[in-house]
Amino acid sequence: MAMIGADIGDLNNTSTNFQGFSETARTSGTTVVSTARRAVGNIEGETNTAEASIIDALESMRTGMTNANASMQGAQYVGRNAEVARNASTELDGRVAQAVTEVTEAFQDFRTRIAALGGELEGIASDFDAYAATVAESGAGFSQAMTNQATNLDAVMNQGIAVG
């Protein structure tokens, strides 16, 4: 004949462990979401700082080149060498302006990629958070079931059945 029963302490310990698991799962979901958001925010912040610094440096270089080119164009300088120098100065001024434009466009492209990455990361984090919430709910339910089982077994096996 099979025996029915359990160690009440073991069931209560199991219940406690599943309740702890439930809380850990919930915390894990929250941690994943906040970490993902912080990471994307940090990337965006660092990108803003880098872009501002780089564009400032390029604009400073561009201003210096524009001033140098203006000086070259307005200089009292004639002859074949003067024409070559003015053309070279104008070309260099254009290249510096082009560099500023290209760097600005590169940062815009990078921002688009960051936004896409941020969206993907947010989706992954949200999916994990939903999964963690479901698992946490299951863990809490299992914990409650173990508590109920321990209470019921204790009532039937150890406290006895009330005879009226």
C-alpha atoms as a PDB file:
ATOM      1  CA  MET A   1       0.000   0.000   0.000  1.00  0.00           C
ATOM      2  CA  ALA A   2       1.389   3.428  -1.018  1.00  0.00           C
ATOM      3  CA  MET A   3       1.899   6.017   1.621  1.00  0.00           C
ATOM      4  CA  ILE A   4       0.795   9.624   1.358  1.00  0.00           C
ATOM      5  CA  GLY A   5       2.724  12.355   3.096  1.00  0.00           C
ATOM      6  CA  ALA A   6       5.565  14.809   3.001  1.00  0.00           C
ATOM      7  CA  ASP A   7       7.992  16.585   5.227  1.00  0.00           C
ATOM      8  CA  ILE A   8       6.155  19.804   6.044  1.00  0.00           C
ATOM      9  CA  GLY A   9       9.452  21.636   6.540  1.00  0.00           C
ATOM     10  CA  ASP A  10      10.616  20.573   3.074  1.00  0.00           C
ATOM     11  CA  LEU A  11       7.386  21.803   1.500  1.00  0.00           C
ATOM     12  CA  ASN A  12       7.640  25.138   3.328  1.00  0.00           C
ATOM     13  CA  ASN A  13      11.306  25.447   2.304  1.00  0.00           C
ATOM     14  CA  THR A  14      10.359  24.703  -1.311  1.00  0.00           C
ATOM     15  CA  SER A  15       7.605  27.308  -1.102  1.00  0.00           C
ATOM     16  CA  THR A  16      10.086  29.864   0.195  1.00  0.00           C
ATOM     17  CA  ASN A  17      12.565  29.022  -2.572  1.00  0.00           C
ATOM     18  CA  PHE A  18       9.930  29.415  -5.271  1.00  0.00           C
ATOM     19  CA  GLN A  19       8.820  32.726  -3.761  1.00  0.00           C
ATOM     20  CA  GLY A  20      12.462  33.864  -3.834  1.00  0.00           C
ATOM     21  CA  PHE A  21      12.740  32.696  -7.444  1.00  0.00           C
ATOM     22  CA  SER A  22       9.590  34.640  -8.279  1.00  0.00           C
ATOM     23  CA  GLU A  23      11.036  37.833  -6.794  1.00  0.00           C
ATOM     24  CA  THR A  24      14.377  37.252  -8.569  1.00  0.00           C
ATOM     25  CA  ALA A  25      12.631  36.723 -11.913  1.00  0.00           C
ATOM     26  CA  ARG A  26      10.665  39.958 -11.495  1.00  0.00           C
ATOM     27  CA  THR A  27      13.800  41.873 -10.519  1.00  0.00           C
ATOM     28  CA  SER A  28      15.675  40.372 -13.482  1.00  0.00           C
ATOM     29  CA  GLY A  29      13.035  41.615 -15.905  1.00  0.00           C
ATOM     30  CA  THR A  30      13.175  45.110 -14.445  1.00  0.00           C
ATOM     31  CA  THR A  31      16.994  45.079 -14.476  1.00  0.00           C
ATOM     32  CA  VAL A  32      17.143  44.035 -18.130  1.00  0.00           C
ATOM     33  CA  VAL A  33      14.785  46.840 -19.189  1.00  0.00           C
ATOM     34  CA  SER A  34      16.531  49.552 -17.165  1.00  0.00           C
ATOM     35  CA  THR A  35      20.003  48.395 -18.239  1.00  0.00           C
ATOM     36  CA  ALA A  36      19.026  48.333 -21.919  1.00  0.00           C
ATOM     37  CA  ARG A  37      17.514  51.816 -21.682  1.00  0.00           C
ATOM     38  CA  ARG A  38      20.544  53.151 -19.818  1.00  0.00           C
ATOM     39  CA  ALA A  39      22.914  51.641 -22.407  1.00  0.00           C
ATOM     40  CA  VAL A  40      21.061  53.248 -25.311  1.00  0.00           C
ATOM     41  CA  GLY A  41      20.866  56.539 -23.415  1.00  0.00           C
ATOM     42  CA  ASN A  42      24.607  56.420 -22.744  1.00  0.00           C
ATOM     43  CA  ILE A  43      25.347  55.738 -26.403  1.00  0.00           C
ATOM     44  CA  GLU A  44      23.114  58.643 -27.415  1.00  0.00           C
ATOM     45  CA  GLY A  45      24.700  60.939 -24.831  1.00  0.00           C
ATOM     46  CA  GLU A  46      28.244  60.025 -25.821  1.00  0.00           C
ATOM     47  CA  THR A  47      27.309  60.464 -29.482  1.00  0.00           C
ATOM     48  CA  ASN A  48      25.945  63.945 -28.760  1.00  0.00           C
ATOM     49  CA  THR A  49      29.127  64.892 -26.911  1.00  0.00           C
ATOM     50  CA  ALA A  50      31.399  63.463 -29.613  1.00  0.00           C
ATOM     51  CA  GLU A  51      29.443  65.089 -32.418  1.00  0.00           C
ATOM     52  CA  ALA A  52      29.487  68.496 -30.745  1.00  0.00           C
ATOM     53  CA  SER A  53      33.225  68.290 -30.108  1.00  0.00           C
ATOM     54  CA  ILE A  54      34.079  67.017 -33.582  1.00  0.00           C
ATOM     55  CA  ILE A  55      31.804  69.468 -35.393  1.00  0.00           C
ATOM     56  CA  ASP A  56      33.204  72.341 -33.303  1.00  0.00           C
ATOM     57  CA  ALA A  57      36.744  71.301 -34.272  1.00  0.00           C
ATOM     58  CA  LEU A  58      35.786  70.989 -37.938  1.00  0.00           C
ATOM     59  CA  GLU A  59      33.930  74.300 -37.918  1.00  0.00           C
ATOM     60  CA  SER A  60      36.948  75.949 -36.325  1.00  0.00           C
ATOM     61  CA  MET A  61      39.125  74.469 -39.058  1.00  0.00           C
ATOM     62  CA  ARG A  62      36.590  75.563 -41.671  1.00  0.00           C
ATOM     63  CA  THR A  63      36.512  79.127 -40.314  1.00  0.00           C
ATOM     64  CA  GLY A  64      40.301  79.228 -40.339  1.00  0.00           C
ATOM     65  CA  MET A  65      40.386  77.921 -43.914  1.00  0.00           C
ATOM     66  CA  THR A  66      37.665  80.334 -45.066  1.00  0.00           C
ATOM     67  CA  ASN A  67      39.611  83.244 -43.545  1.00  0.00           C
ATOM     68  CA  ALA A  68      42.853  82.036 -45.103  1.00  0.00           C
ATOM     69  CA  ASN A  69      41.149  81.631 -48.488  1.00  0.00           C
ATOM     70  CA  ALA A  70      39.589  85.098 -48.228  1.00  0.00           C
ATOM     71  CA  SER A  71      43.015  86.485 -47.443  1.00  0.00           C
ATOM     72  CA  MET A  72      44.488  84.652 -50.430  1.00  0.00           C
ATOM     73  CA  GLN A  73      41.766  85.852 -52.763  1.00  0.00           C
ATOM     74  CA  GLY A  74      42.145  89.457 -51.607  1.00  0.00           C
ATOM     75  CA  ALA A  75      45.935  89.545 -51.584  1.00  0.00           C
ATOM     76  CA  GLN A  76      47.852  91.827 -53.919  1.00  0.00           C
ATOM     77  CA  TYR A  77      49.323  88.960 -55.867  1.00  0.00           C
ATOM     78  CA  VAL A  78      49.482  88.661 -59.646  1.00  0.00           C
ATOM     79  CA  GLY A  79      50.873  86.274 -62.179  1.00  0.00           C
ATOM     80  CA  ARG A  80      50.676  82.583 -62.932  1.00  0.00           C
ATOM     81  CA  ASN A  81      51.647  81.510 -59.412  1.00  0.00           C
ATOM     82  CA  ALA A  82      48.966  83.767 -57.953  1.00  0.00           C
ATOM     83  CA  GLU A  83      46.284  82.085 -60.068  1.00  0.00           C
ATOM     84  CA  VAL A  84      47.501  78.591 -59.083  1.00  0.00           C
ATOM     85  CA  ALA A  85      47.607  79.564 -55.389  1.00  0.00           C
ATOM     86  CA  ARG A  86      44.104  81.076 -55.490  1.00  0.00           C
ATOM     87  CA  ASN A  87      42.695  77.998 -57.227  1.00  0.00           C
ATOM     88  CA  ALA A  88      44.391  75.678 -54.720  1.00  0.00           C
ATOM     89  CA  SER A  89      43.126  77.778 -51.816  1.00  0.00           C
ATOM     90  CA  THR A  90      39.564  77.734 -53.174  1.00  0.00           C
ATOM     91  CA  GLU A  91      39.763  73.952 -53.706  1.00  0.00           C
ATOM     92  CA  LEU A  92      41.061  73.396 -50.177  1.00  0.00           C
ATOM     93  CA  ASP A  93      38.303  75.602 -48.776  1.00  0.00           C
ATOM     94  CA  GLY A  94      35.764  73.452 -50.625  1.00  0.00           C
ATOM     95  CA  ARG A  95      37.297  70.232 -49.319  1.00  0.00           C
ATOM     96  CA  VAL A  96      37.156  71.451 -45.743  1.00  0.00           C
ATOM     97  CA  ALA A  97      33.493  72.434 -46.205  1.00  0.00           C
ATOM     98  CA  GLN A  98      32.840  68.993 -47.728  1.00  0.00           C
ATOM     99  CA  ALA A  99      34.490  67.292 -44.739  1.00  0.00           C
ATOM    100  CA  VAL A 100      32.175  69.134 -42.346  1.00  0.00           C
ATOM    101  CA  THR A 101      29.160  68.042 -44.408  1.00  0.00           C
ATOM    102  CA  GLU A 102      30.338  64.418 -44.614  1.00  0.00           C
ATOM    103  CA  VAL A 103      30.999  64.178 -40.883  1.00  0.00           C
ATOM    104  CA  THR A 104      27.606  65.723 -40.110  1.00  0.00           C
ATOM    105  CA  GLU A 105      25.926  63.208 -42.437  1.00  0.00           C
ATOM    106  CA  ALA A 106      27.897  60.342 -40.853  1.00  0.00           C
ATOM    107  CA  PHE A 107      26.602  61.340 -37.424  1.00  0.00           C
ATOM    108  CA  GLN A 108      23.048  61.510 -38.773  1.00  0.00           C
ATOM    109  CA  ASP A 109      23.459  58.010 -40.202  1.00  0.00           C
ATOM    110  CA  PHE A 110      24.927  56.803 -36.917  1.00  0.00           C
ATOM    111  CA  ARG A 111      21.969  58.284 -35.011  1.00  0.00           C
ATOM    112  CA  THR A 112      19.593  56.404 -37.300  1.00  0.00           C
ATOM    113  CA  ARG A 113      21.440  53.178 -36.501  1.00  0.00           C
ATOM    114  CA  ILE A 114      21.396  53.947 -32.776  1.00  0.00           C
ATOM    115  CA  ALA A 115      17.646  54.554 -32.941  1.00  0.00           C
ATOM    116  CA  ALA A 116      17.141  51.233 -34.739  1.00  0.00           C
ATOM    117  CA  LEU A 117      19.383  49.436 -32.260  1.00  0.00           C
ATOM    118  CA  GLY A 118      17.585  51.127 -29.381  1.00  0.00           C
ATOM    119  CA  GLY A 119      14.245  49.971 -30.761  1.00  0.00           C
ATOM    120  CA  GLU A 120      15.488  46.409 -31.141  1.00  0.00           C
ATOM    121  CA  LEU A 121      17.045  46.408 -27.682  1.00  0.00           C
ATOM    122  CA  GLU A 122      13.871  47.857 -26.164  1.00  0.00           C
ATOM    123  CA  GLY A 123      11.843  45.126 -27.876  1.00  0.00           C
ATOM    124  CA  ILE A 124      14.125  42.381 -26.597  1.00  0.00           C
ATOM    125  CA  ALA A 125      14.121  43.865 -23.094  1.00  0.00           C
ATOM    126  CA  SER A 126      10.329  44.256 -23.092  1.00  0.00           C
ATOM    127  CA  ASP A 127       9.876  40.676 -24.291  1.00  0.00           C
ATOM    128  CA  PHE A 128      12.189  39.434 -21.552  1.00  0.00           C
ATOM    129  CA  ASP A 129      10.397  41.567 -18.975  1.00  0.00           C
ATOM    130  CA  ALA A 130       7.038  40.071 -20.008  1.00  0.00           C
ATOM    131  CA  TYR A 131       8.559  36.584 -19.859  1.00  0.00           C
ATOM    132  CA  ALA A 132      10.068  37.312 -16.428  1.00  0.00           C
ATOM    133  CA  ALA A 133       6.694  38.571 -15.172  1.00  0.00           C
ATOM    134  CA  THR A 134       4.997  35.383 -16.379  1.00  0.00           C
ATOM    135  CA  VAL A 135       7.686  33.189 -14.832  1.00  0.00           C
ATOM    136  CA  ALA A 136       7.494  35.207 -11.604  1.00  0.00           C
ATOM    137  CA  GLU A 137       3.737  34.688 -11.506  1.00  0.00           C
ATOM    138  CA  SER A 138       4.211  30.942 -12.057  1.00  0.00           C
ATOM    139  CA  GLY A 139       6.841  30.817  -9.317  1.00  0.00           C
ATOM    140  CA  ALA A 140       4.557  32.652  -6.910  1.00  0.00           C
ATOM    141  CA  GLY A 141       1.714  30.299  -7.803  1.00  0.00           C
ATOM    142  CA  PHE A 142       3.924  27.273  -7.258  1.00  0.00           C
ATOM    143  CA  SER A 143       5.064  28.747  -3.946  1.00  0.00           C
ATOM    144  CA  GLN A 144       1.456  29.198  -2.860  1.00  0.00           C
ATOM    145  CA  ALA A 145       0.601  25.647  -3.959  1.00  0.00           C
ATOM    146  CA  MET A 146       3.452  24.278  -1.822  1.00  0.00           C
ATOM    147  CA  THR A 147       2.302  26.358   1.147  1.00  0.00           C
ATOM    148  CA  ASN A 148      -1.267  25.128   0.683  1.00  0.00           C
ATOM    149  CA  GLN A 149      -0.064  21.511   0.355  1.00  0.00           C
ATOM    150  CA  ALA A 150       2.021  21.821   3.512  1.00  0.00           C
ATOM    151  CA  THR A 151      -0.897  23.368   5.392  1.00  0.00           C
ATOM    152  CA  ASN A 152      -3.335  20.694   4.189  1.00  0.00           C
ATOM    153  CA  LEU A 153      -0.980  17.797   4.937  1.00  0.00           C
ATOM    154  CA  ASP A 154      -0.175  19.222   8.351  1.00  0.00           C
ATOM    155  CA  ALA A 155      -3.882  19.596   9.104  1.00  0.00           C
ATOM    156  CA  VAL A 156      -4.735  16.039   7.984  1.00  0.00           C
ATOM    157  CA  MET A 157      -1.606  14.135   9.009  1.00  0.00           C
ATOM    158  CA  ASN A 158      -0.360  15.915  12.106  1.00  0.00           C
ATOM    159  CA  GLN A 159      -3.280  17.737  13.667  1.00  0.00           C
ATOM    160  CA  GLY A 160      -5.775  15.019  12.985  1.00  0.00           C
ATOM    161  CA  ILE A 161      -9.303  15.030  11.727  1.00  0.00           C
ATOM    162  CA  ALA A 162     -11.868  16.521  14.040  1.00  0.00           C
ATOM    163  CA  VAL A 163     -14.501  13.968  14.921  1.00  0.00           C
ATOM    164  CA  GLY A 164     -17.746  15.467  15.908  1.00  0.00           C
END
